PDB file of all heavy atoms in Angstrom:
ATOM      1  N   LEU A   1     123.315 158.975 121.984  1.00  0.00           N
ATOM      2  CA  LEU A   1     123.954 157.749 121.505  1.00  0.00           C
ATOM      3  C   LEU A   1     125.070 157.313 122.436  1.00  0.00           C
ATOM      4  O   LEU A   1     125.282 156.121 122.655  1.00  0.00           O
ATOM      5  CB  LEU A   1     124.486 157.939 120.080  1.00  0.00           C
ATOM      6  CG  LEU A   1     123.432 158.003 118.992  1.00  0.00           C
ATOM      7  CD1 LEU A   1     124.051 158.457 117.670  1.00  0.00           C
ATOM      8  CD2 LEU A   1     122.741 156.667 118.816  1.00  0.00           C
ATOM      9  N   GLU A   2     125.780 158.283 122.995  1.00  0.00           N
ATOM     10  CA  GLU A   2     126.841 157.971 123.949  1.00  0.00           C
ATOM     11  C   GLU A   2     126.264 157.326 125.215  1.00  0.00           C
ATOM     12  O   GLU A   2     126.796 156.344 125.725  1.00  0.00           O
ATOM     13  CB  GLU A   2     127.605 159.253 124.323  1.00  0.00           C
ATOM     14  CG  GLU A   2     128.740 159.042 125.279  1.00  0.00           C
ATOM     15  CD  GLU A   2     129.909 158.311 124.661  1.00  0.00           C
ATOM     16  OE1 GLU A   2     130.152 158.459 123.452  1.00  0.00           O
ATOM     17  OE2 GLU A   2     130.587 157.571 125.409  1.00  0.00           O
ATOM     18  N   LYS A   3     125.156 157.852 125.680  1.00  0.00           N
ATOM     19  CA  LYS A   3     124.552 157.380 126.923  1.00  0.00           C
ATOM     20  C   LYS A   3     123.771 156.071 126.755  1.00  0.00           C
ATOM     21  O   LYS A   3     123.888 155.152 127.556  1.00  0.00           O
ATOM     22  CB  LYS A   3     123.613 158.454 127.472  1.00  0.00           C
ATOM     23  CG  LYS A   3     123.000 158.119 128.802  1.00  0.00           C
ATOM     24  CD  LYS A   3     122.190 159.282 129.334  1.00  0.00           C
ATOM     25  CE  LYS A   3     121.608 158.958 130.694  1.00  0.00           C
ATOM     26  NZ  LYS A   3     120.852 160.088 131.247  1.00  0.00           N
ATOM     27  N   PHE A   4     122.965 155.976 125.678  1.00  0.00           N
ATOM     28  CA  PHE A   4     122.053 154.849 125.527  1.00  0.00           C
ATOM     29  C   PHE A   4     122.423 153.882 124.400  1.00  0.00           C
ATOM     30  O   PHE A   4     121.783 152.855 124.243  1.00  0.00           O
ATOM     31  CB  PHE A   4     120.624 155.350 125.268  1.00  0.00           C
ATOM     32  CG  PHE A   4     120.093 156.223 126.349  1.00  0.00           C
ATOM     33  CD1 PHE A   4     119.903 157.578 126.134  1.00  0.00           C
ATOM     34  CD2 PHE A   4     119.792 155.701 127.595  1.00  0.00           C
ATOM     35  CE1 PHE A   4     119.395 158.392 127.135  1.00  0.00           C
ATOM     36  CE2 PHE A   4     119.293 156.505 128.599  1.00  0.00           C
ATOM     37  CZ  PHE A   4     119.090 157.857 128.367  1.00  0.00           C
ATOM     38  N   ASP A   5     123.417 154.237 123.583  1.00  0.00           N
ATOM     39  CA  ASP A   5     123.760 153.493 122.382  1.00  0.00           C
ATOM     40  C   ASP A   5     122.573 153.536 121.418  1.00  0.00           C
ATOM     41  O   ASP A   5     121.754 154.430 121.495  1.00  0.00           O
ATOM     42  CB  ASP A   5     124.177 152.064 122.723  1.00  0.00           C
ATOM     43  CG  ASP A   5     125.059 151.434 121.647  1.00  0.00           C
ATOM     44  OD1 ASP A   5     125.549 152.168 120.767  1.00  0.00           O
ATOM     45  OD2 ASP A   5     125.259 150.220 121.682  1.00  0.00           O
ATOM     46  N   LEU A   6     122.454 152.599 120.533  1.00  0.00           N
ATOM     47  CA  LEU A   6     121.346 152.596 119.574  1.00  0.00           C
ATOM     48  C   LEU A   6     120.130 151.902 120.188  1.00  0.00           C
ATOM     49  O   LEU A   6     120.107 150.682 120.320  1.00  0.00           O
ATOM     50  CB  LEU A   6     121.746 151.852 118.294  1.00  0.00           C
ATOM     51  CG  LEU A   6     122.514 152.635 117.261  1.00  0.00           C
ATOM     52  CD1 LEU A   6     122.954 151.725 116.131  1.00  0.00           C
ATOM     53  CD2 LEU A   6     121.717 153.782 116.719  1.00  0.00           C
ATOM     54  N   VAL A   7     119.147 152.679 120.561  1.00  0.00           N
ATOM     55  CA  VAL A   7     117.911 152.118 121.108  1.00  0.00           C
ATOM     56  C   VAL A   7     117.070 151.568 119.961  1.00  0.00           C
ATOM     57  O   VAL A   7     116.435 150.529 120.067  1.00  0.00           O
ATOM     58  CB  VAL A   7     117.131 153.185 121.899  1.00  0.00           C
ATOM     59  CG1 VAL A   7     115.788 152.651 122.359  1.00  0.00           C
ATOM     60  CG2 VAL A   7     117.955 153.656 123.084  1.00  0.00           C
ATOM     61  N   GLU A   8     117.082 152.279 118.852  1.00  0.00           N
ATOM     62  CA  GLU A   8     116.367 151.853 117.649  1.00  0.00           C
ATOM     63  C   GLU A   8     117.372 151.814 116.503  1.00  0.00           C
ATOM     64  O   GLU A   8     117.984 152.822 116.171  1.00  0.00           O
ATOM     65  CB  GLU A   8     115.234 152.830 117.328  1.00  0.00           C
ATOM     66  CG  GLU A   8     114.402 152.416 116.155  1.00  0.00           C
ATOM     67  CD  GLU A   8     113.250 153.377 115.898  1.00  0.00           C
ATOM     68  OE1 GLU A   8     112.979 154.240 116.741  1.00  0.00           O
ATOM     69  OE2 GLU A   8     112.650 153.255 114.834  1.00  0.00           O
ATOM     70  N   ILE A   9     117.565 150.639 115.938  1.00  0.00           N
ATOM     71  CA  ILE A   9     118.567 150.511 114.879  1.00  0.00           C
ATOM     72  C   ILE A   9     118.042 151.097 113.568  1.00  0.00           C
ATOM     73  O   ILE A   9     116.840 151.103 113.314  1.00  0.00           O
ATOM     74  CB  ILE A   9     118.994 149.040 114.680  1.00  0.00           C
ATOM     75  CG1 ILE A   9     117.803 148.155 114.303  1.00  0.00           C
ATOM     76  CG2 ILE A   9     119.693 148.517 115.925  1.00  0.00           C
ATOM     77  CD1 ILE A   9     118.183 146.745 113.955  1.00  0.00           C
ATOM     78  N   PRO A  10     118.939 151.608 112.730  1.00  0.00           N
ATOM     79  CA  PRO A  10     118.517 152.131 111.429  1.00  0.00           C
ATOM     80  C   PRO A  10     117.929 151.013 110.557  1.00  0.00           C
ATOM     81  O   PRO A  10     118.330 149.850 110.655  1.00  0.00           O
ATOM     82  CB  PRO A  10     119.821 152.652 110.814  1.00  0.00           C
ATOM     83  CG  PRO A  10     120.710 152.902 111.987  1.00  0.00           C
ATOM     84  CD  PRO A  10     120.358 151.856 112.987  1.00  0.00           C
ATOM     85  N   ALA A  11     116.990 151.380 109.716  1.00  0.00           N
ATOM     86  CA  ALA A  11     116.394 150.436 108.764  1.00  0.00           C
ATOM     87  C   ALA A  11     117.026 150.667 107.397  1.00  0.00           C
ATOM     88  O   ALA A  11     117.192 151.807 106.966  1.00  0.00           O
ATOM     89  CB  ALA A  11     114.887 150.636 108.689  1.00  0.00           C
ATOM     90  N   ILE A  12     117.395 149.589 106.739  1.00  0.00           N
ATOM     91  CA  ILE A  12     117.986 149.671 105.399  1.00  0.00           C
ATOM     92  C   ILE A  12     117.288 148.688 104.476  1.00  0.00           C
ATOM     93  O   ILE A  12     116.628 147.755 104.922  1.00  0.00           O
ATOM     94  CB  ILE A  12     119.505 149.377 105.417  1.00  0.00           C
ATOM     95  CG1 ILE A  12     119.767 147.960 105.924  1.00  0.00           C
ATOM     96  CG2 ILE A  12     120.243 150.401 106.274  1.00  0.00           C
ATOM     97  CD1 ILE A  12     121.216 147.519 105.795  1.00  0.00           C
ATOM     98  N   ASN A  13     117.427 148.914 103.164  1.00  0.00           N
ATOM     99  CA  ASN A  13     116.876 147.954 102.217  1.00  0.00           C
ATOM    100  C   ASN A  13     117.956 146.944 101.833  1.00  0.00           C
ATOM    101  O   ASN A  13     119.050 146.943 102.391  1.00  0.00           O
ATOM    102  CB  ASN A  13     116.271 148.667 101.001  1.00  0.00           C
ATOM    103  CG  ASN A  13     117.300 149.364 100.145  1.00  0.00           C
ATOM    104  OD1 ASN A  13     118.502 149.174 100.302  1.00  0.00           O
ATOM    105  ND2 ASN A  13     116.841 150.188  99.221  1.00  0.00           N
ATOM    106  N   LEU A  14     117.662 146.088 100.896  1.00  0.00           N
ATOM    107  CA  LEU A  14     118.599 145.029 100.526  1.00  0.00           C
ATOM    108  C   LEU A  14     119.872 145.547  99.865  1.00  0.00           C
ATOM    109  O   LEU A  14     120.876 144.846  99.795  1.00  0.00           O
ATOM    110  CB  LEU A  14     117.908 144.021  99.606  1.00  0.00           C
ATOM    111  CG  LEU A  14     116.744 143.263 100.240  1.00  0.00           C
ATOM    112  CD1 LEU A  14     116.042 142.403  99.202  1.00  0.00           C
ATOM    113  CD2 LEU A  14     117.209 142.431 101.415  1.00  0.00           C
ATOM    114  N   ASP A  15     119.841 146.791  99.384  1.00  0.00           N
ATOM    115  CA  ASP A  15     121.008 147.396  98.734  1.00  0.00           C
ATOM    116  C   ASP A  15     121.826 148.270  99.683  1.00  0.00           C
ATOM    117  O   ASP A  15     122.634 149.075  99.235  1.00  0.00           O
ATOM    118  CB  ASP A  15     120.571 148.247  97.542  1.00  0.00           C
ATOM    119  CG  ASP A  15     119.906 147.416  96.465  1.00  0.00           C
ATOM    120  OD1 ASP A  15     120.267 146.239  96.310  1.00  0.00           O
ATOM    121  OD2 ASP A  15     119.020 147.947  95.769  1.00  0.00           O
ATOM    122  N   ASN A  16     121.589 148.156 101.000  1.00  0.00           N
ATOM    123  CA  ASN A  16     122.266 148.953 102.030  1.00  0.00           C
ATOM    124  C   ASN A  16     121.851 150.415 102.037  1.00  0.00           C
ATOM    125  O   ASN A  16     122.496 151.241 102.676  1.00  0.00           O
ATOM    126  CB  ASN A  16     123.792 148.864 101.928  1.00  0.00           C
ATOM    127  CG  ASN A  16     124.335 147.607 102.541  1.00  0.00           C
ATOM    128  OD1 ASN A  16     123.633 146.863 103.203  1.00  0.00           O
ATOM    129  ND2 ASN A  16     125.603 147.349 102.318  1.00  0.00           N
ATOM    130  N   LYS A  17     120.779 150.779 101.319  1.00  0.00           N
ATOM    131  CA  LYS A  17     120.299 152.154 101.323  1.00  0.00           C
ATOM    132  C   LYS A  17     119.490 152.389 102.594  1.00  0.00           C
ATOM    133  O   LYS A  17     118.624 151.600 102.942  1.00  0.00           O
ATOM    134  CB  LYS A  17     119.455 152.469 100.099  1.00  0.00           C
ATOM    135  CG  LYS A  17     119.128 153.960  99.997  1.00  0.00           C
ATOM    136  CD  LYS A  17     118.601 154.327  98.655  1.00  0.00           C
ATOM    137  CE  LYS A  17     119.774 154.456  97.714  1.00  0.00           C
ATOM    138  NZ  LYS A  17     119.468 155.058  96.446  1.00  0.00           N
ATOM    139  N   ILE A  18     119.774 153.488 103.278  1.00  0.00           N
ATOM    140  CA  ILE A  18     119.107 153.807 104.534  1.00  0.00           C
ATOM    141  C   ILE A  18     117.669 154.232 104.266  1.00  0.00           C
ATOM    142  O   ILE A  18     117.410 155.122 103.457  1.00  0.00           O
ATOM    143  CB  ILE A  18     119.856 154.923 105.284  1.00  0.00           C
ATOM    144  CG1 ILE A  18     121.298 154.515 105.539  1.00  0.00           C
ATOM    145  CG2 ILE A  18     119.143 155.279 106.587  1.00  0.00           C
ATOM    146  CD1 ILE A  18     122.193 155.648 105.990  1.00  0.00           C
ATOM    147  N   ILE A  19     116.741 153.605 104.973  1.00  0.00           N
ATOM    148  CA  ILE A  19     115.325 153.951 104.877  1.00  0.00           C
ATOM    149  C   ILE A  19     114.935 154.822 106.078  1.00  0.00           C
ATOM    150  O   ILE A  19     114.176 155.770 105.940  1.00  0.00           O
ATOM    151  CB  ILE A  19     114.457 152.675 104.844  1.00  0.00           C
ATOM    152  CG1 ILE A  19     114.814 151.856 103.615  1.00  0.00           C
ATOM    153  CG2 ILE A  19     112.975 153.013 104.888  1.00  0.00           C
ATOM    154  CD1 ILE A  19     114.214 150.474 103.611  1.00  0.00           C
ATOM    155  N   ALA A  20     115.450 154.505 107.239  1.00  0.00           N
ATOM    156  CA  ALA A  20     115.173 155.273 108.461  1.00  0.00           C
ATOM    157  C   ALA A  20     116.426 155.248 109.335  1.00  0.00           C
ATOM    158  O   ALA A  20     117.083 154.221 109.448  1.00  0.00           O
ATOM    159  CB  ALA A  20     114.003 154.654 109.216  1.00  0.00           C
ATOM    160  N   GLY A  21     116.745 156.397 109.928  1.00  0.00           N
ATOM    161  CA  GLY A  21     117.891 156.473 110.823  1.00  0.00           C
ATOM    162  C   GLY A  21     119.069 157.237 110.249  1.00  0.00           C
ATOM    163  O   GLY A  21     120.199 157.076 110.709  1.00  0.00           O
ATOM    164  N   HIS A  22     118.812 158.089 109.262  1.00  0.00           N
ATOM    165  CA  HIS A  22     119.894 158.840 108.627  1.00  0.00           C
ATOM    166  C   HIS A  22     120.736 159.628 109.627  1.00  0.00           C
ATOM    167  O   HIS A  22     121.966 159.638 109.542  1.00  0.00           O
ATOM    168  CB  HIS A  22     119.330 159.832 107.598  1.00  0.00           C
ATOM    169  CG  HIS A  22     118.827 159.182 106.363  1.00  0.00           C
ATOM    170  ND1 HIS A  22     117.596 158.591 106.291  1.00  0.00           N
ATOM    171  CD2 HIS A  22     119.388 159.028 105.149  1.00  0.00           C
ATOM    172  CE1 HIS A  22     117.419 158.102 105.088  1.00  0.00           C
ATOM    173  NE2 HIS A  22     118.495 158.349 104.368  1.00  0.00           N
ATOM    174  N   GLN A  23     120.083 160.306 110.559  1.00  0.00           N
ATOM    175  CA  GLN A  23     120.818 161.162 111.492  1.00  0.00           C
ATOM    176  C   GLN A  23     121.660 160.333 112.451  1.00  0.00           C
ATOM    177  O   GLN A  23     122.793 160.707 112.782  1.00  0.00           O
ATOM    178  CB  GLN A  23     119.861 162.079 112.249  1.00  0.00           C
ATOM    179  CG  GLN A  23     118.959 162.908 111.352  1.00  0.00           C
ATOM    180  CD  GLN A  23     119.683 163.594 110.201  1.00  0.00           C
ATOM    181  OE1 GLN A  23     120.797 164.081 110.353  1.00  0.00           O
ATOM    182  NE2 GLN A  23     119.052 163.634 109.044  1.00  0.00           N
ATOM    183  N   ARG A  24     121.139 159.179 112.875  1.00  0.00           N
ATOM    184  CA  ARG A  24     121.922 158.290 113.751  1.00  0.00           C
ATOM    185  C   ARG A  24     123.149 157.783 113.006  1.00  0.00           C
ATOM    186  O   ARG A  24     124.256 157.760 113.543  1.00  0.00           O
ATOM    187  CB  ARG A  24     121.061 157.126 114.224  1.00  0.00           C
ATOM    188  CG  ARG A  24     120.061 157.543 115.301  1.00  0.00           C
ATOM    189  CD  ARG A  24     119.080 156.445 115.570  1.00  0.00           C
ATOM    190  NE  ARG A  24     118.032 156.579 114.552  1.00  0.00           N
ATOM    191  CZ  ARG A  24     117.178 155.632 114.218  1.00  0.00           C
ATOM    192  NH1 ARG A  24     117.220 154.463 114.805  1.00  0.00           N
ATOM    193  NH2 ARG A  24     116.269 155.839 113.302  1.00  0.00           N
ATOM    194  N   VAL A  25     122.962 157.388 111.766  1.00  0.00           N
ATOM    195  CA  VAL A  25     124.089 156.877 110.963  1.00  0.00           C
ATOM    196  C   VAL A  25     125.125 157.973 110.744  1.00  0.00           C
ATOM    197  O   VAL A  25     126.331 157.738 110.887  1.00  0.00           O
ATOM    198  CB  VAL A  25     123.592 156.302 109.618  1.00  0.00           C
ATOM    199  CG1 VAL A  25     124.753 156.011 108.687  1.00  0.00           C
ATOM    200  CG2 VAL A  25     122.751 155.052 109.850  1.00  0.00           C
ATOM    201  N   THR A  26     124.674 159.179 110.415  1.00  0.00           N
ATOM    202  CA  THR A  26     125.594 160.295 110.206  1.00  0.00           C
ATOM    203  C   THR A  26     126.412 160.560 111.463  1.00  0.00           C
ATOM    204  O   THR A  26     127.632 160.740 111.412  1.00  0.00           O
ATOM    205  CB  THR A  26     124.826 161.562 109.799  1.00  0.00           C
ATOM    206  OG1 THR A  26     124.135 161.298 108.576  1.00  0.00           O
ATOM    207  CG2 THR A  26     125.750 162.750 109.621  1.00  0.00           C
ATOM    208  N   THR A  27     125.755 160.565 112.618  1.00  0.00           N
ATOM    209  CA  THR A  27     126.440 160.793 113.883  1.00  0.00           C
ATOM    210  C   THR A  27     127.449 159.694 114.167  1.00  0.00           C
ATOM    211  O   THR A  27     128.579 159.966 114.591  1.00  0.00           O
ATOM    212  CB  THR A  27     125.413 160.902 115.030  1.00  0.00           C
ATOM    213  OG1 THR A  27     124.517 161.978 114.730  1.00  0.00           O
ATOM    214  CG2 THR A  27     126.097 161.153 116.359  1.00  0.00           C
ATOM    215  N   LEU A  28     127.077 158.455 113.910  1.00  0.00           N
ATOM    216  CA  LEU A  28     128.002 157.343 114.129  1.00  0.00           C
ATOM    217  C   LEU A  28     129.198 157.427 113.182  1.00  0.00           C
ATOM    218  O   LEU A  28     130.322 157.120 113.567  1.00  0.00           O
ATOM    219  CB  LEU A  28     127.281 156.009 113.951  1.00  0.00           C
ATOM    220  CG  LEU A  28     126.246 155.680 115.036  1.00  0.00           C
ATOM    221  CD1 LEU A  28     125.428 154.453 114.630  1.00  0.00           C
ATOM    222  CD2 LEU A  28     126.925 155.455 116.372  1.00  0.00           C
ATOM    223  N   MET A  29     128.970 157.846 111.945  1.00  0.00           N
ATOM    224  CA  MET A  29     130.061 157.981 110.980  1.00  0.00           C
ATOM    225  C   MET A  29     131.060 159.053 111.423  1.00  0.00           C
ATOM    226  O   MET A  29     132.266 158.900 111.259  1.00  0.00           O
ATOM    227  CB  MET A  29     129.523 158.293 109.592  1.00  0.00           C
ATOM    228  CG  MET A  29     128.804 157.127 108.964  1.00  0.00           C
ATOM    229  SD  MET A  29     127.964 157.578 107.461  1.00  0.00           S
ATOM    230  CE  MET A  29     129.182 157.119 106.251  1.00  0.00           C
ATOM    231  N   LEU A  30     130.562 160.145 112.004  1.00  0.00           N
ATOM    232  CA  LEU A  30     131.444 161.201 112.488  1.00  0.00           C
ATOM    233  C   LEU A  30     132.317 160.706 113.625  1.00  0.00           C
ATOM    234  O   LEU A  30     133.449 161.155 113.787  1.00  0.00           O
ATOM    235  CB  LEU A  30     130.617 162.407 112.928  1.00  0.00           C
ATOM    236  CG  LEU A  30     129.957 163.181 111.811  1.00  0.00           C
ATOM    237  CD1 LEU A  30     129.019 164.238 112.374  1.00  0.00           C
ATOM    238  CD2 LEU A  30     130.985 163.814 110.884  1.00  0.00           C
ATOM    239  N   ARG A  31     131.800 159.781 114.419  1.00  0.00           N
ATOM    240  CA  ARG A  31     132.571 159.220 115.525  1.00  0.00           C
ATOM    241  C   ARG A  31     133.712 158.344 115.039  1.00  0.00           C
ATOM    242  O   ARG A  31     134.723 158.220 115.705  1.00  0.00           O
ATOM    243  CB  ARG A  31     131.682 158.378 116.423  1.00  0.00           C
ATOM    244  CG  ARG A  31     130.778 159.163 117.283  1.00  0.00           C
ATOM    245  CD  ARG A  31     129.985 158.210 118.109  1.00  0.00           C
ATOM    246  NE  ARG A  31     129.234 158.932 119.092  1.00  0.00           N
ATOM    247  CZ  ARG A  31     128.560 158.350 120.043  1.00  0.00           C
ATOM    248  NH1 ARG A  31     128.551 157.045 120.142  1.00  0.00           N
ATOM    249  NH2 ARG A  31     127.894 159.054 120.910  1.00  0.00           N
ATOM    250  N   GLU A  32     133.550 157.705 113.889  1.00  0.00           N
ATOM    251  CA  GLU A  32     134.566 156.775 113.374  1.00  0.00           C
ATOM    252  C   GLU A  32     135.796 157.484 112.845  1.00  0.00           C
ATOM    253  O   GLU A  32     136.807 156.884 112.617  1.00  0.00           O
ATOM    254  CB  GLU A  32     133.964 155.898 112.276  1.00  0.00           C
ATOM    255  CG  GLU A  32     133.041 154.833 112.805  1.00  0.00           C
ATOM    256  CD  GLU A  32     132.632 153.837 111.737  1.00  0.00           C
ATOM    257  OE1 GLU A  32     132.930 154.066 110.542  1.00  0.00           O
ATOM    258  OE2 GLU A  32     132.000 152.852 112.073  1.00  0.00           O
TER     259      GLU A  32
END
């Protein structure tokens, strides 16, 4: 993620629930 940023963005539903990309989101949250 540091080198390439988000190549594939996480998929969410209309309620902001993550459908795909949980690990990317978790990693980004740790950075914040």
